[in-house]
PDB file of N, CA and C in Angstrom:
ATOM      1  N   UNK A   1       6.089  39.831  34.618  1.00  0.00           N
ATOM      2  CA  UNK A   1       7.195  39.422  33.801  1.00  0.00           C
ATOM      3  C   UNK A   1       7.005  37.960  33.399  1.00  0.00           C
ATOM      4  N   UNK A   2       7.195  37.662  32.120  1.00  0.00           N
ATOM      5  CA  UNK A   2       7.061  36.314  31.624  1.00  0.00           C
ATOM      6  C   UNK A   2       8.366  35.557  31.831  1.00  0.00           C
ATOM      7  N   UNK A   3       8.230  34.303  32.188  1.00  0.00           N
ATOM      8  CA  UNK A   3       9.440  33.492  32.347  1.00  0.00           C
ATOM      9  C   UNK A   3       9.375  32.311  31.388  1.00  0.00           C
ATOM     10  N   UNK A   4      10.522  31.871  30.965  1.00  0.00           N
ATOM     11  CA  UNK A   4      10.596  30.736  30.052  1.00  0.00           C
ATOM     12  C   UNK A   4      10.307  29.453  30.822  1.00  0.00           C
ATOM     13  N   UNK A   5       9.722  28.462  30.155  1.00  0.00           N
ATOM     14  CA  UNK A   5       9.470  27.196  30.842  1.00  0.00           C
ATOM     15  C   UNK A   5      10.796  26.533  31.219  1.00  0.00           C
ATOM     16  N   UNK A   6      10.778  25.773  32.292  1.00  0.00           N
ATOM     17  CA  UNK A   6      12.027  25.146  32.726  1.00  0.00           C
ATOM     18  C   UNK A   6      12.542  24.175  31.660  1.00  0.00           C
ATOM     19  N   UNK A   7      13.839  24.142  31.481  1.00  0.00           N
ATOM     20  CA  UNK A   7      14.464  23.249  30.525  1.00  0.00           C
ATOM     21  C   UNK A   7      14.625  21.872  31.156  1.00  0.00           C
ATOM     22  N   UNK A   8      14.428  20.834  30.372  1.00  0.00           N
ATOM     23  CA  UNK A   8      14.590  19.484  30.881  1.00  0.00           C
ATOM     24  C   UNK A   8      15.921  18.937  30.412  1.00  0.00           C
ATOM     25  N   UNK A   9      16.555  18.155  31.272  1.00  0.00           N
ATOM     26  CA  UNK A   9      17.823  17.544  30.912  1.00  0.00           C
ATOM     27  C   UNK A   9      17.541  16.182  30.289  1.00  0.00           C
ATOM     28  N   UNK A  10      17.938  16.031  29.058  1.00  0.00           N
ATOM     29  CA  UNK A  10      17.726  14.780  28.355  1.00  0.00           C
ATOM     30  C   UNK A  10      19.046  14.062  28.094  1.00  0.00           C
ATOM     31  N   UNK A  11      20.023  14.368  28.912  1.00  0.00           N
ATOM     32  CA  UNK A  11      21.311  13.692  28.785  1.00  0.00           C
ATOM     33  C   UNK A  11      22.010  14.013  27.476  1.00  0.00           C
ATOM     34  N   UNK A  12      21.797  15.209  26.953  1.00  0.00           N
ATOM     35  CA  UNK A  12      22.450  15.597  25.726  1.00  0.00           C
ATOM     36  C   UNK A  12      21.786  15.046  24.475  1.00  0.00           C
ATOM     37  N   UNK A  13      20.677  14.355  24.644  1.00  0.00           N
ATOM     38  CA  UNK A  13      19.968  13.796  23.493  1.00  0.00           C
ATOM     39  C   UNK A  13      18.641  14.496  23.343  1.00  0.00           C
ATOM     40  N   UNK A  14      18.164  14.502  22.140  1.00  0.00           N
ATOM     41  CA  UNK A  14      16.808  15.000  21.940  1.00  0.00           C
ATOM     42  C   UNK A  14      15.869  14.000  22.598  1.00  0.00           C
ATOM     43  N   UNK A  15      14.786  14.463  23.202  1.00  0.00           N
ATOM     44  CA  UNK A  15      13.910  13.545  23.926  1.00  0.00           C
ATOM     45  C   UNK A  15      13.369  12.408  23.078  1.00  0.00           C
ATOM     46  N   UNK A  16      13.079  12.647  21.794  1.00  0.00           N
ATOM     47  CA  UNK A  16      12.485  11.581  20.997  1.00  0.00           C
ATOM     48  C   UNK A  16      13.512  10.581  20.486  1.00  0.00           C
ATOM     49  N   UNK A  17      14.794  10.892  20.638  1.00  0.00           N
ATOM     50  CA  UNK A  17      15.821   9.946  20.236  1.00  0.00           C
ATOM     51  C   UNK A  17      16.402   9.207  21.431  1.00  0.00           C
ATOM     52  N   UNK A  18      15.955   9.530  22.602  1.00  0.00           N
ATOM     53  CA  UNK A  18      16.490   8.892  23.793  1.00  0.00           C
ATOM     54  C   UNK A  18      16.043   7.451  23.921  1.00  0.00           C
ATOM     55  N   UNK A  19      16.844   6.631  24.538  1.00  0.00           N
ATOM     56  CA  UNK A  19      16.472   5.246  24.774  1.00  0.00           C
ATOM     57  C   UNK A  19      16.575   4.415  23.512  1.00  0.00           C
ATOM     58  N   UNK A  20      16.151   3.184  23.612  1.00  0.00           N
ATOM     59  CA  UNK A  20      16.269   2.287  22.468  1.00  0.00           C
ATOM     60  C   UNK A  20      14.921   1.975  21.835  1.00  0.00           C
ATOM     61  N   UNK A  21      13.875   2.686  22.296  1.00  0.00           N
ATOM     62  CA  UNK A  21      12.555   2.420  21.730  1.00  0.00           C
ATOM     63  C   UNK A  21      12.541   2.808  20.260  1.00  0.00           C
ATOM     64  N   UNK A  22      11.991   1.984  19.465  1.00  0.00           N
ATOM     65  CA  UNK A  22      11.899   2.251  18.038  1.00  0.00           C
ATOM     66  C   UNK A  22      10.996   1.213  17.412  1.00  0.00           C
ATOM     67  N   UNK A  23      10.712   1.395  16.158  1.00  0.00           N
ATOM     68  CA  UNK A  23       9.889   0.411  15.466  1.00  0.00           C
ATOM     69  C   UNK A  23      10.729  -0.267  14.402  1.00  0.00           C
ATOM     70  N   UNK A  24      10.438  -1.521  14.159  1.00  0.00           N
ATOM     71  CA  UNK A  24      11.110  -2.271  13.102  1.00  0.00           C
ATOM     72  C   UNK A  24      10.390  -1.983  11.793  1.00  0.00           C
ATOM     73  N   UNK A  25      11.095  -1.443  10.819  1.00  0.00           N
ATOM     74  CA  UNK A  25      10.506  -1.144   9.536  1.00  0.00           C
ATOM     75  C   UNK A  25      10.556  -2.368   8.640  1.00  0.00           C
ATOM     76  N   UNK A  26       9.777  -2.360   7.570  1.00  0.00           N
ATOM     77  CA  UNK A  26       9.698  -3.509   6.681  1.00  0.00           C
ATOM     78  C   UNK A  26      11.039  -3.869   6.059  1.00  0.00           C
ATOM     79  N   UNK A  27      11.908  -2.874   5.862  1.00  0.00           N
ATOM     80  CA  UNK A  27      13.190  -3.151   5.232  1.00  0.00           C
ATOM     81  C   UNK A  27      14.256  -3.568   6.241  1.00  0.00           C
ATOM     82  N   UNK A  28      13.883  -3.807   7.507  1.00  0.00           N
ATOM     83  CA  UNK A  28      14.813  -4.264   8.526  1.00  0.00           C
ATOM     84  C   UNK A  28      15.442  -3.148   9.339  1.00  0.00           C
ATOM     85  N   UNK A  29      15.249  -1.909   8.928  1.00  0.00           N
ATOM     86  CA  UNK A  29      15.810  -0.775   9.662  1.00  0.00           C
ATOM     87  C   UNK A  29      14.967  -0.525  10.906  1.00  0.00           C
ATOM     88  N   UNK A  30      15.570   0.131  11.901  1.00  0.00           N
ATOM     89  CA  UNK A  30      14.848   0.500  13.112  1.00  0.00           C
ATOM     90  C   UNK A  30      14.702   2.008  13.122  1.00  0.00           C
ATOM     91  N   UNK A  31      13.488   2.461  13.356  1.00  0.00           N
ATOM     92  CA  UNK A  31      13.193   3.891  13.373  1.00  0.00           C
ATOM     93  C   UNK A  31      13.145   4.384  14.813  1.00  0.00           C
ATOM     94  N   UNK A  32      13.899   5.444  15.111  1.00  0.00           N
ATOM     95  CA  UNK A  32      13.899   6.024  16.445  1.00  0.00           C
ATOM     96  C   UNK A  32      13.268   7.415  16.427  1.00  0.00           C
ATOM     97  N   UNK A  33      12.391   7.651  15.483  1.00  0.00           N
ATOM     98  CA  UNK A  33      11.718   8.939  15.359  1.00  0.00           C
ATOM     99  C   UNK A  33      10.654   9.073  16.444  1.00  0.00           C
ATOM    100  N   UNK A  34      10.119  10.278  16.621  1.00  0.00           N
ATOM    101  CA  UNK A  34       9.038  10.474  17.592  1.00  0.00           C
ATOM    102  C   UNK A  34       7.849   9.574  17.245  1.00  0.00           C
ATOM    103  N   UNK A  35       7.054   9.201  18.242  1.00  0.00           N
ATOM    104  CA  UNK A  35       5.915   8.313  17.996  1.00  0.00           C
ATOM    105  C   UNK A  35       4.996   8.781  16.878  1.00  0.00           C
ATOM    106  N   UNK A  36       4.768  10.096  16.767  1.00  0.00           N
ATOM    107  CA  UNK A  36       3.876  10.577  15.709  1.00  0.00           C
ATOM    108  C   UNK A  36       4.468  10.280  14.330  1.00  0.00           C
ATOM    109  N   UNK A  37       5.769  10.389  14.191  1.00  0.00           N
ATOM    110  CA  UNK A  37       6.407  10.083  12.913  1.00  0.00           C
ATOM    111  C   UNK A  37       6.507   8.582  12.702  1.00  0.00           C
ATOM    112  N   UNK A  38       6.651   7.830  13.794  1.00  0.00           N
ATOM    113  CA  UNK A  38       6.668   6.370  13.676  1.00  0.00           C
ATOM    114  C   UNK A  38       5.328   5.890  13.120  1.00  0.00           C
ATOM    115  N   UNK A  39       4.233   6.481  13.608  1.00  0.00           N
ATOM    116  CA  UNK A  39       2.901   6.108  13.121  1.00  0.00           C
ATOM    117  C   UNK A  39       2.782   6.433  11.641  1.00  0.00           C
ATOM    118  N   UNK A  40       3.290   7.611  11.254  1.00  0.00           N
ATOM    119  CA  UNK A  40       3.246   7.992   9.843  1.00  0.00           C
ATOM    120  C   UNK A  40       4.045   6.995   9.008  1.00  0.00           C
ATOM    121  N   UNK A  41       5.199   6.553   9.500  1.00  0.00           N
ATOM    122  CA  UNK A  41       6.022   5.577   8.771  1.00  0.00           C
ATOM    123  C   UNK A  41       5.266   4.264   8.605  1.00  0.00           C
ATOM    124  N   UNK A  42       4.566   3.828   9.669  1.00  0.00           N
ATOM    125  CA  UNK A  42       3.785   2.591   9.570  1.00  0.00           C
ATOM    126  C   UNK A  42       2.688   2.719   8.527  1.00  0.00           C
ATOM    127  N   UNK A  43       1.987   3.862   8.537  1.00  0.00           N
ATOM    128  CA  UNK A  43       0.904   4.086   7.589  1.00  0.00           C
ATOM    129  C   UNK A  43       1.449   4.117   6.168  1.00  0.00           C
ATOM    130  N   UNK A  44       2.564   4.814   5.962  1.00  0.00           N
ATOM    131  CA  UNK A  44       3.158   4.887   4.622  1.00  0.00           C
ATOM    132  C   UNK A  44       3.598   3.510   4.147  1.00  0.00           C
ATOM    133  N   UNK A  45       4.218   2.728   5.023  1.00  0.00           N
ATOM    134  CA  UNK A  45       4.657   1.392   4.636  1.00  0.00           C
ATOM    135  C   UNK A  45       3.471   0.497   4.333  1.00  0.00           C
ATOM    136  N   UNK A  46       2.423   0.607   5.143  1.00  0.00           N
ATOM    137  CA  UNK A  46       1.227  -0.193   4.908  1.00  0.00           C
ATOM    138  C   UNK A  46       0.591   0.197   3.584  1.00  0.00           C
ATOM    139  N   UNK A  47       0.499   1.496   3.324  1.00  0.00           N
ATOM    140  CA  UNK A  47      -0.076   1.966   2.063  1.00  0.00           C
ATOM    141  C   UNK A  47       0.750   1.485   0.884  1.00  0.00           C
ATOM    142  N   UNK A  48       2.070   1.553   1.023  1.00  0.00           N
ATOM    143  CA  UNK A  48       2.950   1.109  -0.053  1.00  0.00           C
ATOM    144  C   UNK A  48       2.771  -0.389  -0.297  1.00  0.00           C
ATOM    145  N   UNK A  49       2.702  -1.166   0.782  1.00  0.00           N
ATOM    146  CA  UNK A  49       2.527  -2.617   0.646  1.00  0.00           C
ATOM    147  C   UNK A  49       1.181  -2.947   0.001  1.00  0.00           C
ATOM    148  N   UNK A  50       0.134  -2.221   0.399  1.00  0.00           N
ATOM    149  CA  UNK A  50      -1.187  -2.455  -0.189  1.00  0.00           C
ATOM    150  C   UNK A  50      -1.202  -2.083  -1.667  1.00  0.00           C
ATOM    151  N   UNK A  51      -0.541  -0.989  -2.008  1.00  0.00           N
ATOM    152  CA  UNK A  51      -0.480  -0.578  -3.412  1.00  0.00           C
ATOM    153  C   UNK A  51       0.268  -1.611  -4.243  1.00  0.00           C
ATOM    154  N   UNK A  52       1.368  -2.129  -3.705  1.00  0.00           N
ATOM    155  CA  UNK A  52       2.119  -3.158  -4.425  1.00  0.00           C
ATOM    156  C   UNK A  52       1.282  -4.424  -4.581  1.00  0.00           C
ATOM    157  N   UNK A  53       0.548  -4.790  -3.534  1.00  0.00           N
ATOM    158  CA  UNK A  53      -0.300  -5.979  -3.609  1.00  0.00           C
ATOM    159  C   UNK A  53      -1.411  -5.776  -4.634  1.00  0.00           C
ATOM    160  N   UNK A  54      -1.976  -4.571  -4.686  1.00  0.00           N
ATOM    161  CA  UNK A  54      -3.053  -4.291  -5.636  1.00  0.00           C
ATOM    162  C   UNK A  54      -2.568  -4.404  -7.070  1.00  0.00           C
ATOM    163  N   UNK A  55      -1.332  -4.003  -7.332  1.00  0.00           N
ATOM    164  CA  UNK A  55      -0.832  -4.065  -8.702  1.00  0.00           C
ATOM    165  C   UNK A  55      -0.324  -5.451  -9.061  1.00  0.00           C
ATOM    166  N   UNK A  56      -0.269  -6.374  -8.102  1.00  0.00           N
ATOM    167  CA  UNK A  56       0.151  -7.739  -8.413  1.00  0.00           C
ATOM    168  C   UNK A  56      -0.987  -8.748  -8.228  1.00  0.00           C
ATOM    169  N   UNK A  57      -2.079  -8.342  -7.606  1.00  0.00           N
ATOM    170  CA  UNK A  57      -3.220  -9.228  -7.370  1.00  0.00           C
ATOM    171  C   UNK A  57      -3.903  -9.562  -8.690  1.00  0.00           C
ATOM    172  N   UNK A  58      -4.015 -10.837  -8.990  1.00  0.00           N
ATOM    173  CA  UNK A  58      -4.708 -11.287 -10.196  1.00  0.00           C
ATOM    174  C   UNK A  58      -6.179 -11.521  -9.868  1.00  0.00           C
ATOM    175  N   UNK A  59      -7.029 -11.401 -10.881  1.00  0.00           N
ATOM    176  CA  UNK A  59      -8.469 -11.586 -10.733  1.00  0.00           C
ATOM    177  C   UNK A  59      -8.936 -12.583 -11.784  1.00  0.00           C
ATOM    178  N   UNK A  60      -9.917 -13.403 -11.422  1.00  0.00           N
ATOM    179  CA  UNK A  60     -10.421 -14.422 -12.347  1.00  0.00           C
ATOM    180  C   UNK A  60     -11.909 -14.190 -12.617  1.00  0.00           C
ATOM    181  N   UNK A  61     -12.266 -14.368 -13.879  1.00  0.00           N
ATOM    182  CA  UNK A  61     -13.667 -14.251 -14.294  1.00  0.00           C
ATOM    183  C   UNK A  61     -14.395 -15.516 -13.847  1.00  0.00           C
ATOM    184  N   UNK A  62     -15.456 -15.349 -13.101  1.00  0.00           N
ATOM    185  CA  UNK A  62     -16.217 -16.506 -12.621  1.00  0.00           C
ATOM    186  C   UNK A  62     -16.991 -17.183 -13.748  1.00  0.00           C
ATOM    187  N   UNK A  63     -17.211 -16.476 -14.843  1.00  0.00           N
ATOM    188  CA  UNK A  63     -17.976 -17.050 -15.952  1.00  0.00           C
ATOM    189  C   UNK A  63     -17.139 -17.977 -16.828  1.00  0.00           C
ATOM    190  N   UNK A  64     -15.904 -17.536 -17.167  1.00  0.00           N
ATOM    191  CA  UNK A  64     -15.130 -18.314 -18.139  1.00  0.00           C
ATOM    192  C   UNK A  64     -13.741 -18.728 -17.662  1.00  0.00           C
ATOM    193  N   UNK A  65     -13.276 -18.170 -16.543  1.00  0.00           N
ATOM    194  CA  UNK A  65     -11.958 -18.539 -16.035  1.00  0.00           C
ATOM    195  C   UNK A  65     -10.823 -17.666 -16.533  1.00  0.00           C
ATOM    196  N   UNK A  66     -11.116 -16.624 -17.323  1.00  0.00           N
ATOM    197  CA  UNK A  66     -10.074 -15.696 -17.760  1.00  0.00           C
ATOM    198  C   UNK A  66      -9.442 -15.051 -16.539  1.00  0.00           C
ATOM    199  N   UNK A  67      -8.116 -14.952 -16.536  1.00  0.00           N
ATOM    200  CA  UNK A  67      -7.403 -14.342 -15.411  1.00  0.00           C
ATOM    201  C   UNK A  67      -6.864 -12.991 -15.839  1.00  0.00           C
ATOM    202  N   UNK A  68      -7.303 -11.944 -15.127  1.00  0.00           N
ATOM    203  CA  UNK A  68      -6.769 -10.602 -15.372  1.00  0.00           C
ATOM    204  C   UNK A  68      -5.494 -10.461 -14.563  1.00  0.00           C
ATOM    205  N   UNK A  69      -4.382 -10.201 -15.255  1.00  0.00           N
ATOM    206  CA  UNK A  69      -3.081 -10.000 -14.621  1.00  0.00           C
ATOM    207  C   UNK A  69      -2.712  -8.532 -14.789  1.00  0.00           C
ATOM    208  N   UNK A  70      -2.603  -7.780 -13.682  1.00  0.00           N
ATOM    209  CA  UNK A  70      -2.274  -6.355 -13.790  1.00  0.00           C
ATOM    210  C   UNK A  70      -0.970  -6.091 -14.539  1.00  0.00           C
ATOM    211  N   UNK A  71      -0.026  -7.015 -14.471  1.00  0.00           N
ATOM    212  CA  UNK A  71       1.245  -6.821 -15.167  1.00  0.00           C
ATOM    213  C   UNK A  71       1.035  -6.789 -16.684  1.00  0.00           C
ATOM    214  N   UNK A  72       0.044  -7.522 -17.163  1.00  0.00           N
ATOM    215  CA  UNK A  72      -0.241  -7.562 -18.594  1.00  0.00           C
ATOM    216  C   UNK A  72      -1.312  -6.561 -19.002  1.00  0.00           C
ATOM    217  N   UNK A  73      -2.251  -6.264 -18.087  1.00  0.00           N
ATOM    218  CA  UNK A  73      -3.356  -5.377 -18.415  1.00  0.00           C
ATOM    219  C   UNK A  73      -4.262  -6.014 -19.454  1.00  0.00           C
ATOM    220  N   UNK A  74      -4.971  -5.190 -20.190  1.00  0.00           N
ATOM    221  CA  UNK A  74      -5.823  -5.636 -21.309  1.00  0.00           C
ATOM    222  C   UNK A  74      -5.697  -4.592 -22.405  1.00  0.00           C
ATOM    223  N   UNK A  75      -4.550  -4.592 -23.115  1.00  0.00           N
ATOM    224  CA  UNK A  75      -4.322  -3.552 -24.121  1.00  0.00           C
ATOM    225  C   UNK A  75      -5.432  -3.457 -25.172  1.00  0.00           C
ATOM    226  N   UNK A  76      -5.992  -4.601 -25.580  1.00  0.00           N
ATOM    227  CA  UNK A  76      -7.072  -4.569 -26.565  1.00  0.00           C
ATOM    228  C   UNK A  76      -8.335  -3.919 -26.006  1.00  0.00           C
ATOM    229  N   UNK A  77      -8.499  -3.980 -24.679  1.00  0.00           N
ATOM    230  CA  UNK A  77      -9.656  -3.370 -24.027  1.00  0.00           C
ATOM    231  C   UNK A  77      -9.362  -1.982 -23.485  1.00  0.00           C
ATOM    232  N   UNK A  78      -8.174  -1.436 -23.810  1.00  0.00           N
ATOM    233  CA  UNK A  78      -7.829  -0.085 -23.370  1.00  0.00           C
ATOM    234  C   UNK A  78      -7.237  -0.010 -21.978  1.00  0.00           C
ATOM    235  N   UNK A  79      -6.819  -1.143 -21.409  1.00  0.00           N
ATOM    236  CA  UNK A  79      -6.250  -1.169 -20.061  1.00  0.00           C
ATOM    237  C   UNK A  79      -4.739  -1.394 -20.184  1.00  0.00           C
ATOM    238  N   UNK A  80      -3.958  -0.409 -19.792  1.00  0.00           N
ATOM    239  CA  UNK A  80      -2.501  -0.467 -19.923  1.00  0.00           C
ATOM    240  C   UNK A  80      -1.888  -1.463 -18.939  1.00  0.00           C
ATOM    241  N   UNK A  81      -0.776  -2.090 -19.326  1.00  0.00           N
ATOM    242  CA  UNK A  81      -0.055  -2.954 -18.370  1.00  0.00           C
ATOM    243  C   UNK A  81       0.302  -2.157 -17.109  1.00  0.00           C
ATOM    244  N   UNK A  82       0.226  -2.827 -15.953  1.00  0.00           N
ATOM    245  CA  UNK A  82       0.512  -2.174 -14.682  1.00  0.00           C
ATOM    246  C   UNK A  82      -0.718  -1.560 -14.027  1.00  0.00           C
ATOM    247  N   UNK A  83      -1.882  -1.746 -14.613  1.00  0.00           N
ATOM    248  CA  UNK A  83      -3.125  -1.183 -14.070  1.00  0.00           C
ATOM    249  C   UNK A  83      -3.745  -2.154 -13.077  1.00  0.00           C
ATOM    250  N   UNK A  84      -3.885  -1.702 -11.825  1.00  0.00           N
ATOM    251  CA  UNK A  84      -4.529  -2.522 -10.793  1.00  0.00           C
ATOM    252  C   UNK A  84      -5.996  -2.716 -11.165  1.00  0.00           C
ATOM    253  N   UNK A  85      -6.545  -3.852 -10.784  1.00  0.00           N
ATOM    254  CA  UNK A  85      -7.932  -4.174 -11.109  1.00  0.00           C
ATOM    255  C   UNK A  85      -8.885  -3.095 -10.591  1.00  0.00           C
ATOM    256  N   UNK A  86      -8.594  -2.569  -9.415  1.00  0.00           N
ATOM    257  CA  UNK A  86      -9.454  -1.541  -8.816  1.00  0.00           C
ATOM    258  C   UNK A  86      -9.486  -0.262  -9.640  1.00  0.00           C
ATOM    259  N   UNK A  87      -8.480  -0.047 -10.465  1.00  0.00           N
ATOM    260  CA  UNK A  87      -8.407   1.172 -11.278  1.00  0.00           C
ATOM    261  C   UNK A  87      -9.101   1.021 -12.633  1.00  0.00           C
ATOM    262  N   UNK A  88      -9.513  -0.192 -12.954  1.00  0.00           N
ATOM    263  CA  UNK A  88     -10.208  -0.426 -14.222  1.00  0.00           C
ATOM    264  C   UNK A  88     -11.612   0.174 -14.120  1.00  0.00           C
ATOM    265  N   UNK A  89     -12.077   0.863 -15.176  1.00  0.00           N
ATOM    266  CA  UNK A  89     -13.438   1.427 -15.146  1.00  0.00           C
ATOM    267  C   UNK A  89     -14.489   0.326 -14.944  1.00  0.00           C
ATOM    268  N   UNK A  90     -15.571   0.691 -14.282  1.00  0.00           N
ATOM    269  CA  UNK A  90     -16.639  -0.269 -13.988  1.00  0.00           C
ATOM    270  C   UNK A  90     -17.328  -0.800 -15.239  1.00  0.00           C
ATOM    271  N   UNK A  91     -17.216  -0.100 -16.363  1.00  0.00           N
ATOM    272  CA  UNK A  91     -17.868  -0.577 -17.583  1.00  0.00           C
ATOM    273  C   UNK A  91     -16.966  -1.509 -18.411  1.00  0.00           C
ATOM    274  N   UNK A  92     -15.783  -1.840 -17.894  1.00  0.00           N
ATOM    275  CA  UNK A  92     -14.897  -2.797 -18.564  1.00  0.00           C
ATOM    276  C   UNK A  92     -15.528  -4.183 -18.484  1.00  0.00           C
ATOM    277  N   UNK A  93     -15.237  -5.011 -19.465  1.00  0.00           N
ATOM    278  CA  UNK A  93     -15.797  -6.366 -19.476  1.00  0.00           C
ATOM    279  C   UNK A  93     -14.713  -7.371 -19.827  1.00  0.00           C
ATOM    280  N   UNK A  94     -14.974  -8.628 -19.516  1.00  0.00           N
ATOM    281  CA  UNK A  94     -14.053  -9.720 -19.784  1.00  0.00           C
ATOM    282  C   UNK A  94     -13.783  -9.798 -21.286  1.00  0.00           C
ATOM    283  N   UNK A  95     -12.511  -9.826 -21.696  1.00  0.00           N
ATOM    284  CA  UNK A  95     -12.206  -9.886 -23.124  1.00  0.00           C
ATOM    285  C   UNK A  95     -12.536 -11.237 -23.761  1.00  0.00           C
ATOM    286  N   UNK A  96     -12.792 -12.252 -22.964  1.00  0.00           N
ATOM    287  CA  UNK A  96     -13.090 -13.579 -23.508  1.00  0.00           C
ATOM    288  C   UNK A  96     -14.596 -13.807 -23.645  1.00  0.00           C
ATOM    289  N   UNK A  97     -15.339 -13.560 -22.562  1.00  0.00           N
ATOM    290  CA  UNK A  97     -16.765 -13.897 -22.585  1.00  0.00           C
ATOM    291  C   UNK A  97     -17.694 -12.701 -22.457  1.00  0.00           C
ATOM    292  N   UNK A  98     -17.141 -11.512 -22.184  1.00  0.00           N
ATOM    293  CA  UNK A  98     -17.981 -10.324 -22.078  1.00  0.00           C
ATOM    294  C   UNK A  98     -18.617 -10.117 -20.715  1.00  0.00           C
ATOM    295  N   UNK A  99     -18.218 -10.917 -19.707  1.00  0.00           N
ATOM    296  CA  UNK A  99     -18.770 -10.740 -18.349  1.00  0.00           C
ATOM    297  C   UNK A  99     -18.360  -9.373 -17.802  1.00  0.00           C
ATOM    298  N   UNK A 100     -19.150  -8.876 -16.895  1.00  0.00           N
ATOM    299  CA  UNK A 100     -18.889  -7.580 -16.291  1.00  0.00           C
ATOM    300  C   UNK A 100     -17.759  -7.649 -15.267  1.00  0.00           C
ATOM    301  N   UNK A 101     -17.193  -6.502 -14.958  1.00  0.00           N
ATOM    302  CA  UNK A 101     -16.099  -6.417 -13.981  1.00  0.00           C
ATOM    303  C   UNK A 101     -16.522  -7.014 -12.644  1.00  0.00           C
ATOM    304  N   UNK A 102     -17.772  -6.826 -12.262  1.00  0.00           N
ATOM    305  CA  UNK A 102     -18.228  -7.336 -10.962  1.00  0.00           C
ATOM    306  C   UNK A 102     -18.300  -8.861 -10.928  1.00  0.00           C
ATOM    307  N   UNK A 103     -18.128  -9.519 -12.085  1.00  0.00           N
ATOM    308  CA  UNK A 103     -18.125 -10.978 -12.134  1.00  0.00           C
ATOM    309  C   UNK A 103     -16.733 -11.571 -11.907  1.00  0.00           C
ATOM    310  N   UNK A 104     -15.765 -10.723 -11.579  1.00  0.00           N
ATOM    311  CA  UNK A 104     -14.404 -11.169 -11.281  1.00  0.00           C
ATOM    312  C   UNK A 104     -14.202 -11.242  -9.772  1.00  0.00           C
ATOM    313  N   UNK A 105     -13.410 -12.223  -9.357  1.00  0.00           N
ATOM    314  CA  UNK A 105     -13.057 -12.382  -7.945  1.00  0.00           C
ATOM    315  C   UNK A 105     -11.536 -12.515  -7.841  1.00  0.00           C
ATOM    316  N   UNK A 106     -10.960 -12.188  -6.678  1.00  0.00           N
ATOM    317  CA  UNK A 106      -9.507 -12.327  -6.519  1.00  0.00           C
ATOM    318  C   UNK A 106      -9.066 -13.758  -6.824  1.00  0.00           C
ATOM    319  N   UNK A 107      -7.966 -13.879  -7.541  1.00  0.00           N
ATOM    320  CA  UNK A 107      -7.424 -15.172  -7.930  1.00  0.00           C
ATOM    321  C   UNK A 107      -6.272 -15.535  -7.015  1.00  0.00           C
ATOM    322  N   UNK A 108      -6.329 -16.713  -6.450  1.00  0.00           N
ATOM    323  CA  UNK A 108      -5.250 -17.213  -5.598  1.00  0.00           C
ATOM    324  C   UNK A 108      -4.436 -18.219  -6.393  1.00  0.00           C
ATOM    325  N   UNK A 109      -3.162 -17.912  -6.581  1.00  0.00           N
ATOM    326  CA  UNK A 109      -2.270 -18.829  -7.327  1.00  0.00           C
ATOM    327  C   UNK A 109      -2.200 -20.178  -6.691  1.00  0.00           C
TER     328      UNK A 109
END
């Protein structure tokens, strides 16, 4: 005869919500989800932050000093506003001097 596993008493709470352990999220909220979901939340927040940084990171041409701003893009070169530098095709070139994409480096304001 099969028997059910013994039930654990968690004081009326689900085990993963018990106690005050939680992670501080970027928006100031505290997450009391199970550790596996907490890890997923951290990864999602990190990915979101990296994506936002990529779409705001400016790049400068080492040859002429032209600054590629993702907010502006390069409409004349076929690059829509809001396009992260990493999403630009490798055959794109500087609209000022014709330097290759690999001749650009991250620009620090």
